[in-house]
N, C-alpha and C. Protein backbone atom coordinates (compact mmCIF):
# COMPACT_ATOMS: atom_id res chain seq x y z
N UNK A 1 16.44 -1.51 13.73
CA UNK A 1 16.32 -0.31 14.25
C UNK A 1 16.44 -0.85 15.80
N UNK A 2 15.30 -2.00 16.10
CA UNK A 2 15.20 -2.49 17.39
C UNK A 2 16.35 -2.95 18.07
N UNK A 3 17.01 -3.73 16.81
CA UNK A 3 18.04 -4.16 17.62
C UNK A 3 19.37 -3.49 17.97
N UNK A 4 19.47 -2.05 17.24
CA UNK A 4 20.44 -1.35 17.57
C UNK A 4 20.08 -0.65 18.94
N UNK A 5 18.64 -0.05 19.26
CA UNK A 5 17.95 0.04 20.56
C UNK A 5 18.80 -0.64 21.50
N UNK A 6 18.38 -2.17 21.35
CA UNK A 6 18.65 -3.24 22.52
C UNK A 6 20.18 -3.42 22.60
N UNK A 7 20.94 -3.35 21.47
CA UNK A 7 22.56 -2.89 21.81
C UNK A 7 22.87 -2.11 22.33
N UNK A 8 22.38 -0.63 22.36
CA UNK A 8 22.42 0.43 22.82
C UNK A 8 22.16 0.15 24.41
N UNK A 9 21.02 0.05 24.77
CA UNK A 9 20.70 -0.60 26.14
C UNK A 9 21.63 -1.30 26.84
N UNK A 10 21.95 -2.19 26.16
CA UNK A 10 22.88 -3.53 26.82
C UNK A 10 24.50 -2.78 26.86
N UNK A 11 24.59 -2.31 26.26
CA UNK A 11 25.79 -1.28 26.50
C UNK A 11 26.11 -0.18 27.50
N UNK A 12 25.15 0.30 27.98
CA UNK A 12 24.62 1.16 28.69
C UNK A 12 24.41 0.36 30.37
N UNK A 13 23.67 -0.32 30.11
CA UNK A 13 23.93 -1.73 31.66
C UNK A 13 25.09 -1.91 31.88
N UNK A 14 25.95 -2.27 30.79
CA UNK A 14 27.21 -2.81 31.07
C UNK A 14 27.80 -1.57 31.51
N UNK A 15 28.12 -0.32 30.96
CA UNK A 15 28.82 0.35 31.69
C UNK A 15 28.53 1.05 33.34
N UNK A 16 27.50 0.88 33.44
CA UNK A 16 26.45 1.07 34.72
C UNK A 16 27.44 0.19 35.77
N UNK A 17 27.14 -0.82 35.67
CA UNK A 17 27.83 -1.85 36.68
C UNK A 17 29.28 -2.10 36.51
N UNK A 18 30.26 -1.62 35.62
CA UNK A 18 31.33 -1.25 35.64
C UNK A 18 32.00 -0.07 36.38
N UNK A 19 31.16 0.71 36.02
CA UNK A 19 31.26 1.94 36.84
C UNK A 19 30.95 1.74 38.50
N UNK A 20 30.56 1.10 38.98
CA UNK A 20 30.23 0.52 40.36
C UNK A 20 31.27 -0.22 40.81
N UNK A 21 31.53 -0.98 40.01
CA UNK A 21 32.77 -1.66 40.43
C UNK A 21 34.01 -1.15 40.88
N UNK A 22 34.05 -0.27 39.80
CA UNK A 22 35.77 0.33 39.63
C UNK A 22 35.83 1.29 40.93
N UNK A 23 34.46 1.52 41.31
CA UNK A 23 34.03 2.67 42.30
C UNK A 23 34.31 2.33 43.82
N UNK A 24 34.12 0.86 43.93
CA UNK A 24 34.59 0.01 44.85
C UNK A 24 32.96 -0.29 45.79
N UNK A 25 31.65 -0.24 45.12
CA UNK A 25 30.74 -0.79 45.60
C UNK A 25 30.37 -2.16 45.93
N UNK A 26 29.44 -2.33 46.96
CA UNK A 26 29.71 -3.98 47.56
C UNK A 26 28.87 -4.90 46.62
N UNK A 27 29.00 -5.55 46.81
CA UNK A 27 28.29 -6.84 46.09
C UNK A 27 26.79 -6.49 45.72
N UNK A 28 26.30 -6.51 46.92
CA UNK A 28 24.81 -6.06 47.13
C UNK A 28 24.50 -4.85 45.97
N UNK A 29 25.38 -3.86 45.96
CA UNK A 29 25.17 -2.81 45.48
C UNK A 29 25.19 -3.15 44.11
N UNK A 30 26.26 -3.58 43.86
CA UNK A 30 26.34 -4.16 42.66
C UNK A 30 25.17 -5.00 41.90
N UNK A 31 24.60 -5.69 42.48
CA UNK A 31 23.52 -6.90 42.22
C UNK A 31 22.58 -5.97 41.96
N UNK A 32 22.25 -5.37 42.76
CA UNK A 32 21.03 -3.90 42.57
C UNK A 32 21.24 -3.36 41.37
N UNK A 33 22.22 -2.81 40.87
CA UNK A 33 22.46 -2.00 39.48
C UNK A 33 22.67 -2.88 38.64
N UNK A 34 22.64 -4.22 38.40
CA UNK A 34 22.57 -5.46 37.53
C UNK A 34 20.89 -5.46 37.17
N UNK A 35 20.37 -5.28 37.95
CA UNK A 35 18.76 -5.47 38.27
C UNK A 35 18.09 -4.43 37.48
N UNK A 36 18.51 -3.34 38.05
CA UNK A 36 18.26 -1.85 37.46
C UNK A 36 18.68 -1.89 36.03
N UNK A 37 19.68 -2.23 35.74
CA UNK A 37 20.33 -1.80 34.18
C UNK A 37 19.82 -2.95 33.61
N UNK A 38 19.08 -4.40 34.08
CA UNK A 38 18.85 -5.08 33.08
C UNK A 38 17.19 -4.79 32.91
N UNK A 39 16.61 -3.80 33.77
CA UNK A 39 15.12 -3.38 33.83
C UNK A 39 15.31 -2.03 32.60
N UNK A 40 15.94 -1.42 32.72
CA UNK A 40 16.55 -0.07 31.77
C UNK A 40 16.67 -0.58 30.15
N UNK A 41 17.52 -1.87 30.36
CA UNK A 41 17.63 -2.68 28.68
C UNK A 41 16.06 -2.89 28.12
N UNK A 42 15.81 -3.61 29.20
CA UNK A 42 14.45 -4.22 29.01
C UNK A 42 13.14 -3.02 28.58
N UNK A 43 13.31 -1.97 29.35
CA UNK A 43 12.12 -0.74 28.63
C UNK A 43 12.88 -0.34 27.66
N UNK A 44 13.86 -0.10 27.21
CA UNK A 44 14.50 0.44 26.55
C UNK A 44 14.36 -0.44 24.89
N UNK A 45 14.42 -1.83 24.94
CA UNK A 45 13.92 -2.31 23.80
C UNK A 45 12.63 -2.47 23.72
N UNK A 46 11.51 -2.43 24.75
CA UNK A 46 10.08 -2.15 24.78
C UNK A 46 9.90 -0.97 24.04
N UNK A 47 10.64 0.01 24.16
CA UNK A 47 10.34 1.42 23.61
C UNK A 47 10.49 1.55 22.08
N UNK A 48 10.61 0.32 21.06
CA UNK A 48 9.83 0.47 19.61
C UNK A 48 8.88 -0.55 20.00
N UNK A 49 7.70 0.20 19.27
CA UNK A 49 5.95 -0.64 19.25
C UNK A 49 6.23 -1.57 18.93
N UNK A 50 5.81 -2.74 19.91
CA UNK A 50 5.44 -4.13 19.22
C UNK A 50 4.58 -4.34 18.49
N UNK A 51 3.54 -3.19 18.15
CA UNK A 51 2.60 -3.56 17.56
C UNK A 51 2.75 -2.71 15.99
N UNK A 52 4.14 -2.54 15.77
CA UNK A 52 4.23 -1.19 14.55
C UNK A 52 3.78 -2.48 13.35
N UNK A 53 3.28 -1.34 12.63
CA UNK A 53 3.37 -2.34 11.20
C UNK A 53 4.36 -3.30 10.95
N UNK A 54 3.69 -4.03 10.09
CA UNK A 54 5.01 -5.60 9.59
C UNK A 54 3.71 -5.33 8.47
N UNK A 55 4.73 -4.95 7.18
CA UNK A 55 3.80 -5.49 5.91
C UNK A 55 2.81 -4.34 5.85
N UNK A 56 2.42 -4.15 4.50
CA UNK A 56 1.03 -3.35 4.08
C UNK A 56 0.06 -3.10 5.00
N UNK A 57 -0.84 -4.78 5.87
CA UNK A 57 -1.52 -4.97 6.64
C UNK A 57 -1.32 -4.45 7.75
N UNK A 58 -0.24 -4.52 8.27
CA UNK A 58 0.19 -4.28 9.56
C UNK A 58 0.29 -5.37 9.91
N UNK A 59 0.87 -5.53 11.86
CA UNK A 59 0.84 -6.72 12.39
C UNK A 59 -0.32 -7.65 12.56
N UNK A 60 -1.63 -7.05 12.87
CA UNK A 60 -2.56 -7.86 12.92
C UNK A 60 -2.98 -8.30 11.53
N UNK A 61 -2.83 -7.59 10.72
CA UNK A 61 -2.82 -8.27 9.19
C UNK A 61 -1.93 -9.44 8.75
N UNK A 62 -0.38 -9.54 9.14
CA UNK A 62 0.27 -10.28 8.73
C UNK A 62 0.00 -11.87 9.75
N UNK A 63 -0.50 -11.44 10.94
CA UNK A 63 -0.91 -12.62 11.69
C UNK A 63 -2.34 -13.41 11.04
N UNK A 64 -3.30 -12.53 10.91
CA UNK A 64 -4.49 -13.33 10.39
C UNK A 64 -4.28 -13.94 8.42
N UNK A 65 -3.09 -13.39 8.14
CA UNK A 65 -2.42 -13.76 6.51
C UNK A 65 -3.34 -15.03 5.95
N UNK A 66 -3.02 -15.85 6.61
CA UNK A 66 -3.49 -17.38 6.56
C UNK A 66 -4.83 -17.60 6.53
N UNK A 67 -5.67 -17.01 7.30
CA UNK A 67 -6.89 -17.32 7.61
C UNK A 67 -8.03 -16.70 6.36
N UNK A 68 -9.16 -17.57 6.41
CA UNK A 68 -10.30 -17.29 5.64
C UNK A 68 -10.77 -16.36 6.04
N UNK A 69 -11.45 -15.50 5.03
CA UNK A 69 -12.47 -14.14 5.55
C UNK A 69 -13.98 -14.55 4.82
N UNK A 70 -14.74 -13.61 5.96
CA UNK A 70 -16.20 -13.61 5.39
C UNK A 70 -16.14 -12.09 5.47
N UNK A 71 -17.01 -11.88 4.32
CA UNK A 71 -17.42 -10.30 4.08
C UNK A 71 -18.73 -10.49 3.74
N UNK A 72 -19.39 -9.04 4.17
CA UNK A 72 -20.70 -9.02 3.82
C UNK A 72 -21.20 -8.46 2.46
N UNK A 73 -21.70 -9.07 1.26
CA UNK A 73 -21.63 -8.82 -0.18
C UNK A 73 -23.00 -7.57 -0.10
N UNK A 74 -22.95 -6.63 -1.14
CA UNK A 74 -23.53 -5.46 -1.06
C UNK A 74 -25.66 -6.12 -1.00
N UNK A 75 -25.63 -7.21 -1.48
CA UNK A 75 -26.96 -7.51 -1.77
C UNK A 75 -27.51 -8.76 -0.35
N UNK A 76 -26.34 -8.48 0.66
CA UNK A 76 -26.69 -8.83 1.96
C UNK A 76 -26.31 -10.40 2.51
N UNK A 77 -25.93 -10.78 1.68
CA UNK A 77 -25.09 -12.44 1.80
C UNK A 77 -23.78 -12.39 1.85
N UNK A 78 -22.78 -13.48 2.11
CA UNK A 78 -21.99 -13.62 2.98
C UNK A 78 -20.78 -14.19 1.78
N UNK A 79 -19.58 -13.63 1.73
CA UNK A 79 -18.72 -13.86 0.85
C UNK A 79 -17.83 -14.48 1.60
N UNK A 80 -17.07 -15.73 1.34
CA UNK A 80 -16.19 -16.32 2.06
C UNK A 80 -14.61 -16.50 1.12
N UNK A 81 -13.51 -15.63 1.28
CA UNK A 81 -12.34 -15.76 0.72
C UNK A 81 -11.56 -16.39 1.23
N UNK A 82 -10.83 -17.38 0.56
CA UNK A 82 -10.00 -18.32 1.00
C UNK A 82 -8.62 -18.39 0.27
N UNK A 83 -7.36 -19.08 0.63
CA UNK A 83 -5.93 -19.28 0.09
C UNK A 83 -5.93 -17.97 -0.16
N UNK A 84 -5.18 -17.57 -0.95
CA UNK A 84 -4.23 -16.64 -1.41
C UNK A 84 -5.26 -15.42 -1.56
N UNK A 85 -6.39 -15.72 -1.88
CA UNK A 85 -7.28 -14.41 -2.29
C UNK A 85 -7.32 -14.00 -0.40
N UNK A 86 -7.49 -14.47 0.21
CA UNK A 86 -7.81 -14.33 1.79
C UNK A 86 -6.81 -13.53 2.42
N UNK A 87 -5.24 -14.12 1.86
CA UNK A 87 -3.83 -13.72 2.32
C UNK A 87 -3.98 -12.36 1.84
N UNK A 88 -4.14 -12.21 0.62
CA UNK A 88 -3.76 -10.61 -0.16
C UNK A 88 -5.27 -9.54 0.82
N UNK A 89 -6.20 -9.91 0.81
CA UNK A 89 -7.63 -9.29 1.46
C UNK A 89 -6.71 -9.20 2.92
N UNK A 90 -6.38 -9.83 3.91
CA UNK A 90 -5.66 -9.76 5.14
C UNK A 90 -4.83 -8.76 5.19
N UNK A 91 -3.62 -8.97 4.38
CA UNK A 91 -2.57 -7.86 4.45
C UNK A 91 -2.74 -6.51 3.57
N UNK A 92 -3.94 -6.11 3.18
CA UNK A 92 -4.07 -5.32 2.47
C UNK A 92 -4.47 -4.35 3.35
N UNK A 93 -4.44 -2.77 2.82
CA UNK A 93 -4.15 -1.62 4.07
C UNK A 93 -5.84 -1.31 4.37
N UNK A 94 -6.16 -0.68 5.14
CA UNK A 94 -7.42 -0.48 5.36
C UNK A 94 -7.79 0.76 3.80
N UNK A 95 -7.11 1.44 3.83
CA UNK A 95 -7.65 2.33 2.33
C UNK A 95 -7.83 1.71 1.07
N UNK A 96 -6.84 0.52 0.95
CA UNK A 96 -6.70 -0.81 0.08
C UNK A 96 -8.47 -1.28 -0.10
N UNK A 97 -8.72 -1.61 1.48
CA UNK A 97 -9.93 -2.21 1.38
C UNK A 97 -11.10 -1.48 1.33
N UNK A 98 -10.98 -0.53 1.55
CA UNK A 98 -12.19 0.92 1.44
C UNK A 98 -12.23 0.57 0.18
N UNK A 99 -11.09 1.25 -0.91
CA UNK A 99 -11.36 1.21 -2.09
C UNK A 99 -12.14 0.18 -2.89
N UNK A 100 -11.43 -1.21 -2.44
CA UNK A 100 -12.25 -2.50 -3.23
C UNK A 100 -13.86 -2.83 -2.95
N UNK A 101 -14.26 -2.50 -1.96
CA UNK A 101 -15.30 -2.16 -1.26
C UNK A 101 -16.06 -3.65 -1.15
N UNK A 102 -17.46 -3.53 -1.47
CA UNK A 102 -17.93 -4.77 -0.46
C UNK A 102 -17.77 -5.85 -2.04
N UNK A 103 -17.76 -7.18 -1.83
CA UNK A 103 -17.38 -8.10 -2.96
C UNK A 103 -18.42 -8.49 -3.61
N UNK A 104 -18.48 -8.67 -4.86
CA UNK A 104 -19.54 -8.82 -5.54
C UNK A 104 -20.23 -10.69 -5.92
N UNK A 105 -21.14 -10.59 -5.86
CA UNK A 105 -21.65 -11.86 -6.10
C UNK A 105 -22.40 -12.73 -7.66
N UNK A 106 -22.51 -13.85 -7.56
CA UNK A 106 -23.20 -13.65 -8.83
C UNK A 106 -22.27 -15.05 -9.62
N UNK A 107 -22.44 -15.48 -10.59
CA UNK A 107 -21.81 -16.42 -11.58
C UNK A 107 -20.69 -16.33 -12.07
N UNK A 108 -20.15 -14.86 -12.40
CA UNK A 108 -19.07 -14.22 -12.91
C UNK A 108 -18.35 -13.14 -11.86
N UNK A 109 -18.53 -13.17 -10.63
CA UNK A 109 -18.27 -12.26 -9.62
C UNK A 109 -16.68 -13.20 -8.93
N UNK A 110 -16.69 -14.33 -9.14
CA UNK A 110 -15.51 -15.20 -8.46
C UNK A 110 -15.28 -16.54 -9.24
N UNK A 111 -14.56 -17.17 -8.64
CA UNK A 111 -14.33 -18.57 -9.75
C UNK A 111 -13.04 -19.00 -10.13
N UNK A 112 -12.66 -19.69 -11.15
CA UNK A 112 -11.95 -20.02 -11.59
C UNK A 112 -11.70 -19.55 -13.08
N UNK A 113 -10.47 -19.04 -13.72
CA UNK A 113 -10.95 -18.85 -15.13
C UNK A 113 -10.32 -19.71 -16.03
N UNK A 114 -10.72 -19.53 -17.52
CA UNK A 114 -10.00 -20.47 -18.37
C UNK A 114 -8.45 -21.10 -18.42
N UNK A 115 -7.86 -19.71 -17.79
CA UNK A 115 -6.25 -19.75 -17.69
C UNK A 115 -5.77 -20.37 -16.38
N UNK A 116 -6.80 -20.60 -15.51
CA UNK A 116 -6.36 -21.08 -14.05
C UNK A 116 -6.11 -20.36 -13.31
N UNK A 117 -6.45 -18.73 -13.71
CA UNK A 117 -6.75 -17.86 -12.35
C UNK A 117 -7.64 -18.06 -11.55
N UNK A 118 -7.60 -17.72 -9.94
CA UNK A 118 -8.71 -17.63 -9.00
C UNK A 118 -9.15 -16.02 -8.88
N UNK A 119 -10.33 -15.77 -8.78
CA UNK A 119 -10.29 -14.30 -8.77
C UNK A 119 -11.80 -13.96 -8.06
N UNK A 120 -11.78 -12.98 -7.54
CA UNK A 120 -12.92 -12.67 -6.43
C UNK A 120 -13.23 -10.90 -7.06
N UNK A 121 -14.02 -11.10 -7.58
CA UNK A 121 -14.71 -9.07 -7.97
C UNK A 121 -15.09 -8.39 -6.59
N UNK A 122 -14.51 -7.01 -7.03
CA UNK A 122 -15.23 -6.71 -5.63
C UNK A 122 -16.03 -4.87 -6.41
N UNK A 123 -16.56 -4.45 -5.97
CA UNK A 123 -17.09 -2.96 -6.27
C UNK A 123 -16.29 -2.19 -7.09
N UNK A 124 -15.14 -1.83 -6.52
CA UNK A 124 -14.25 -1.40 -6.77
C UNK A 124 -12.69 -1.89 -7.20
N UNK A 125 -12.68 -3.28 -7.54
CA UNK A 125 -11.62 -3.94 -8.33
C UNK A 125 -11.50 -5.32 -7.94
N UNK A 126 -10.49 -5.88 -8.27
CA UNK A 126 -10.45 -7.65 -8.20
C UNK A 126 -9.16 -8.04 -7.75
N UNK A 127 -9.66 -9.11 -6.91
CA UNK A 127 -8.18 -9.75 -6.66
C UNK A 127 -8.28 -10.91 -7.01
N UNK A 128 -7.02 -11.49 -7.71
CA UNK A 128 -6.71 -12.75 -8.48
C UNK A 128 -5.40 -13.33 -8.42
N UNK A 129 -5.31 -14.47 -8.54
CA UNK A 129 -3.80 -15.15 -8.10
C UNK A 129 -4.25 -16.49 -8.98
N UNK A 130 -2.97 -16.77 -9.62
CA UNK A 130 -2.42 -17.69 -10.49
C UNK A 130 -2.30 -19.12 -9.84
N UNK A 131 -2.71 -20.23 -10.31
CA UNK A 131 -2.26 -21.48 -9.43
C UNK A 131 -2.18 -20.92 -7.66
N UNK A 132 -0.47 -21.56 -7.17
CA UNK A 132 -0.82 -21.28 -5.71
C UNK A 132 -0.05 -19.91 -5.66
N UNK A 133 0.27 -19.15 -6.28
CA UNK A 133 0.67 -18.27 -6.47
C UNK A 133 0.65 -16.73 -5.70
N UNK A 134 0.88 -15.91 -5.56
CA UNK A 134 0.88 -14.44 -4.72
C UNK A 134 -0.78 -13.94 -5.13
N UNK A 135 -1.45 -13.59 -4.68
CA UNK A 135 -2.33 -13.02 -5.43
C UNK A 135 -2.33 -11.05 -5.44
N UNK A 136 -2.78 -10.33 -6.24
CA UNK A 136 -2.84 -9.16 -6.45
C UNK A 136 -4.09 -8.39 -6.63
N UNK A 137 -3.73 -7.47 -6.70
CA UNK A 137 -5.25 -6.06 -6.63
C UNK A 137 -5.01 -5.69 -8.18
N UNK A 138 -6.23 -5.28 -8.86
CA UNK A 138 -6.02 -4.74 -10.09
C UNK A 138 -7.45 -3.71 -9.86
N UNK A 139 -7.47 -2.78 -10.55
CA UNK A 139 -8.62 -1.77 -10.20
C UNK A 139 -8.63 -0.50 -11.44
N UNK A 140 -9.60 0.44 -11.19
CA UNK A 140 -9.75 1.62 -11.70
C UNK A 140 -9.55 1.57 -13.36
N UNK A 141 -9.06 2.23 -13.95
CA UNK A 141 -8.71 2.34 -15.29
C UNK A 141 -8.29 1.50 -15.99
N UNK A 142 -7.16 0.81 -15.17
CA UNK A 142 -6.14 -0.47 -15.42
C UNK A 142 -6.93 -1.49 -15.59
N UNK A 143 -7.96 -2.08 -14.38
CA UNK A 143 -8.76 -3.04 -14.52
C UNK A 143 -9.70 -2.79 -15.88
N UNK A 144 -10.28 -1.72 -16.44
CA UNK A 144 -10.73 -1.84 -17.60
C UNK A 144 -10.14 -1.87 -18.65
N UNK A 145 -9.36 -1.63 -18.82
CA UNK A 145 -8.32 -2.05 -20.01
C UNK A 145 -8.39 -3.45 -20.12
N UNK A 146 -7.77 -4.18 -18.79
CA UNK A 146 -7.49 -5.16 -18.80
C UNK A 146 -8.68 -6.00 -19.39
N UNK A 147 -9.83 -5.69 -18.64
CA UNK A 147 -10.99 -6.41 -19.09
C UNK A 147 -11.24 -6.20 -20.35
N UNK A 148 -11.06 -5.67 -21.41
CA UNK A 148 -11.43 -5.36 -22.73
C UNK A 148 -11.08 -6.78 -23.47
N UNK A 149 -12.05 -7.02 -24.31
CA UNK A 149 -11.63 -8.46 -25.29
C UNK A 149 -10.57 -8.10 -26.33
N UNK A 150 -9.97 -8.64 -26.09
CA UNK A 150 -8.76 -8.74 -27.48
C UNK A 150 -8.18 -9.92 -28.31
N UNK A 151 -7.97 -9.79 -29.39
CA UNK A 151 -7.24 -10.50 -30.23
C UNK A 151 -5.69 -11.18 -29.61
N UNK A 152 -5.52 -12.46 -30.46
CA UNK A 152 -3.72 -13.00 -29.66
C UNK A 152 -2.87 -11.80 -29.90
N UNK A 153 -3.31 -10.60 -30.81
CA UNK A 153 -1.87 -9.67 -30.64
C UNK A 153 -2.36 -8.12 -29.56
N UNK A 154 -3.57 -8.21 -29.24
CA UNK A 154 -3.74 -7.45 -27.87
C UNK A 154 -4.59 -6.54 -28.81
N UNK A 155 -5.26 -6.32 -29.76
CA UNK A 155 -6.11 -5.43 -30.64
C UNK A 155 -7.59 -6.07 -30.01
N UNK A 156 -8.55 -5.03 -29.33
CA UNK A 156 -9.64 -5.01 -28.87
C UNK A 156 -10.14 -5.60 -30.14
N UNK A 157 -11.18 -6.65 -29.88
CA UNK A 157 -12.02 -7.61 -30.49
C UNK A 157 -13.35 -8.45 -30.29
N UNK A 158 -14.40 -8.06 -30.98
CA UNK A 158 -15.24 -8.45 -30.08
C UNK A 158 -15.27 -10.13 -29.80
N UNK A 159 -14.20 -11.23 -30.62
CA UNK A 159 -14.42 -12.16 -30.74
C UNK A 159 -13.61 -12.64 -29.83
N UNK A 160 -12.65 -11.65 -29.30
CA UNK A 160 -11.53 -11.65 -28.60
C UNK A 160 -11.97 -12.03 -27.05
N UNK A 161 -10.94 -12.14 -25.98
CA UNK A 161 -10.70 -12.68 -24.54
C UNK A 161 -10.34 -11.43 -24.20
N UNK A 162 -10.91 -11.34 -22.43
CA UNK A 162 -10.33 -10.44 -21.81
C UNK A 162 -10.00 -10.73 -20.56
N UNK A 163 -9.35 -9.95 -19.47
CA UNK A 163 -8.58 -10.56 -18.35
C UNK A 163 -7.71 -11.19 -18.38
N UNK A 164 -7.75 -12.31 -17.63
CA UNK A 164 -6.24 -13.10 -17.19
C UNK A 164 -6.48 -14.17 -18.54
N UNK A 165 -7.83 -14.43 -19.10
CA UNK A 165 -8.01 -15.04 -20.56
C UNK A 165 -7.31 -14.34 -21.38
N UNK A 166 -7.19 -13.21 -21.51
CA UNK A 166 -6.68 -12.52 -22.75
C UNK A 166 -5.30 -12.53 -22.74
N UNK A 167 -4.43 -11.64 -23.73
CA UNK A 167 -3.54 -11.83 -24.45
C UNK A 167 -2.45 -11.21 -23.33
N UNK A 168 -3.23 -10.40 -22.27
CA UNK A 168 -2.09 -9.63 -21.34
C UNK A 168 -1.73 -10.96 -20.13
N UNK A 169 -2.70 -12.08 -20.04
CA UNK A 169 -2.55 -12.88 -19.05
C UNK A 169 -2.80 -12.30 -17.45
N UNK A 170 -2.53 -13.17 -16.55
CA UNK A 170 -2.51 -12.98 -15.20
C UNK A 170 -1.62 -11.66 -14.78
N UNK A 171 -2.10 -10.77 -13.62
CA UNK A 171 -1.44 -9.68 -13.40
C UNK A 171 -0.04 -10.56 -12.31
N UNK A 172 1.10 -9.58 -12.69
CA UNK A 172 2.07 -10.30 -11.57
C UNK A 172 2.41 -8.95 -10.93
N UNK A 173 1.95 -7.90 -10.37
CA UNK A 173 2.26 -7.15 -9.62
C UNK A 173 0.83 -6.55 -9.41
N UNK A 174 1.27 -5.65 -8.16
CA UNK A 174 -0.11 -4.52 -7.50
C UNK A 174 0.01 -3.00 -8.09
N UNK A 175 -0.78 -2.64 -8.32
CA UNK A 175 -0.73 -1.30 -8.98
C UNK A 175 0.08 -0.66 -8.37
N UNK A 176 1.97 -0.07 -8.86
CA UNK A 176 2.22 1.01 -8.34
C UNK A 176 2.13 2.42 -8.80
N UNK A 177 2.53 3.24 -8.39
CA UNK A 177 2.56 4.71 -8.76
C UNK A 177 3.71 5.44 -8.70
N UNK A 178 3.79 6.47 -9.52
CA UNK A 178 4.89 7.31 -9.57
C UNK A 178 4.39 8.88 -10.13
N UNK A 179 4.35 10.03 -9.39
CA UNK A 179 4.15 10.83 -10.05
C UNK A 179 2.98 10.99 -10.16
N UNK A 180 2.04 11.15 -11.65
CA UNK A 180 0.67 10.91 -11.91
C UNK A 180 0.40 9.77 -12.59
N UNK A 181 1.51 9.05 -12.56
CA UNK A 181 1.33 8.01 -13.52
C UNK A 181 1.46 6.50 -12.30
N UNK A 182 0.34 5.61 -12.93
CA UNK A 182 0.00 4.21 -11.96
C UNK A 182 0.09 2.93 -13.00
N UNK A 183 0.71 1.91 -12.46
CA UNK A 183 1.17 0.74 -13.57
C UNK A 183 0.81 -0.34 -13.04
N UNK A 184 0.66 -1.37 -13.47
CA UNK A 184 0.33 -2.73 -13.09
C UNK A 184 0.70 -3.41 -14.26
N UNK A 185 1.74 -4.53 -13.97
CA UNK A 185 2.07 -5.37 -14.82
C UNK A 185 1.38 -6.81 -15.04
N UNK A 186 1.53 -7.35 -15.84
CA UNK A 186 0.75 -9.06 -16.14
C UNK A 186 1.85 -9.57 -16.82
N UNK A 187 1.58 -10.63 -16.93
CA UNK A 187 2.37 -11.91 -17.84
C UNK A 187 2.83 -11.33 -19.41
N UNK A 188 2.10 -10.98 -19.75
CA UNK A 188 2.53 -10.36 -21.44
C UNK A 188 2.47 -9.19 -21.43
N UNK A 189 2.95 -8.18 -20.62
CA UNK A 189 2.73 -6.95 -20.87
C UNK A 189 2.57 -5.87 -19.54
N UNK A 190 2.20 -4.97 -19.70
CA UNK A 190 1.86 -3.54 -18.97
C UNK A 190 0.57 -2.84 -19.51
N UNK A 191 -0.21 -2.56 -18.26
CA UNK A 191 -1.04 -1.34 -18.26
C UNK A 191 -0.58 -0.09 -17.40
N UNK A 192 -0.69 0.98 -18.25
CA UNK A 192 -0.70 2.56 -17.30
C UNK A 192 -1.63 3.49 -17.55
N UNK A 193 -1.77 4.01 -16.49
CA UNK A 193 -2.94 5.17 -16.40
C UNK A 193 -2.24 6.33 -16.00
N UNK A 194 -2.21 7.27 -17.07
CA UNK A 194 -2.06 8.89 -16.28
C UNK A 194 -3.04 9.50 -16.00
N UNK A 195 -3.00 10.27 -14.66
CA UNK A 195 -4.18 11.06 -14.02
C UNK A 195 -4.01 12.43 -14.97
N UNK A 196 -3.15 12.50 -15.31
CA UNK A 196 -2.67 13.60 -16.07
C UNK A 196 -3.23 13.83 -17.43
N UNK A 197 -4.45 13.88 -18.00
CA UNK A 197 -4.54 13.80 -19.40
C UNK A 197 -5.54 12.67 -19.21
N UNK A 198 -5.83 11.99 -18.26
CA UNK A 198 -6.67 10.71 -18.60
C UNK A 198 -6.12 9.58 -19.56
N UNK A 199 -5.08 9.11 -19.42
CA UNK A 199 -4.40 8.50 -20.83
C UNK A 199 -4.26 7.17 -20.42
N UNK A 200 -4.94 6.46 -20.74
CA UNK A 200 -4.33 4.86 -20.76
C UNK A 200 -3.59 4.16 -21.72
N UNK A 201 -2.12 3.43 -21.46
CA UNK A 201 -1.54 2.86 -22.47
C UNK A 201 -1.33 1.24 -22.16
N UNK A 202 -1.91 0.55 -23.14
CA UNK A 202 -1.81 -0.71 -22.92
C UNK A 202 -0.46 -1.10 -23.88
N UNK A 203 0.37 -2.35 -23.19
CA UNK A 203 1.37 -2.79 -24.17
C UNK A 203 1.22 -4.23 -23.89
N UNK A 204 1.12 -5.35 -25.12
CA UNK A 204 1.40 -6.62 -24.97
C UNK A 204 2.32 -6.78 -25.48
N UNK A 205 3.28 -7.43 -25.01
CA UNK A 205 4.68 -8.10 -25.69
C UNK A 205 5.37 -6.73 -26.15
N UNK A 206 5.56 -5.65 -24.93
CA UNK A 206 6.47 -4.55 -25.49
C UNK A 206 5.68 -3.60 -26.68
N UNK A 207 4.21 -4.31 -27.69
CA UNK A 207 3.92 -3.33 -28.53
C UNK A 207 2.63 -2.52 -27.98
N UNK A 208 2.48 -1.41 -28.15
CA UNK A 208 1.74 -0.43 -27.77
C UNK A 208 0.54 -0.86 -28.81
N UNK A 209 -1.22 -1.22 -27.85
CA UNK A 209 -2.04 -1.68 -28.89
C UNK A 209 -3.45 -0.44 -28.09
N UNK A 210 -4.64 -0.24 -28.85
CA UNK A 210 -5.27 0.39 -28.40
C UNK A 210 -5.97 0.28 -26.86
N UNK A 211 -6.18 1.11 -26.18
CA UNK A 211 -6.60 0.40 -24.83
C UNK A 211 -8.28 0.19 -24.99
N UNK A 212 -9.04 0.40 -25.94
CA UNK A 212 -9.92 0.13 -25.63
C UNK A 212 -10.48 0.19 -27.12
């Protein structure tokens, strides 16, 4: 869109100069026309907001994407986000940041799981990333179902494993929404939650398993 506006402005400027030459104006007049037309073209190109959002977190979020983040935890301490976890937080929308809430602290609030996934837990969700890959946000009823301890087949089991160490594996997408349905995908399956009827469905390797 921005390129289209600039091209349109350039065409307008060229037509203005051509018209003056054809009319027999002096060189001085033509030069002034060129300057005026150039200013008009520049103004037109600037008409597109240079601070328009670029990505989920807007231009500022994109510029800060690679920077570490220091946040206030609920207990008053500071939590530092780095790497892809920080990048995900920086590029999140303000609503996503609000929904995540304050970062949690403690031995199970952050770190690296047995499967090699780094994570940071928040009041309302978790940001996690596998190895050097991108980070994703998981929350709500989908997060609850993902954290259920399951056996290798995906069925809930007290001696099983949950989260990225469980049979679903690490997240491979943020939550998407279609109508009343929300969905997150994982290495070995997907979890959906339908607000209509408050129904959660868990699939592990294309097999539907109990949600809890």
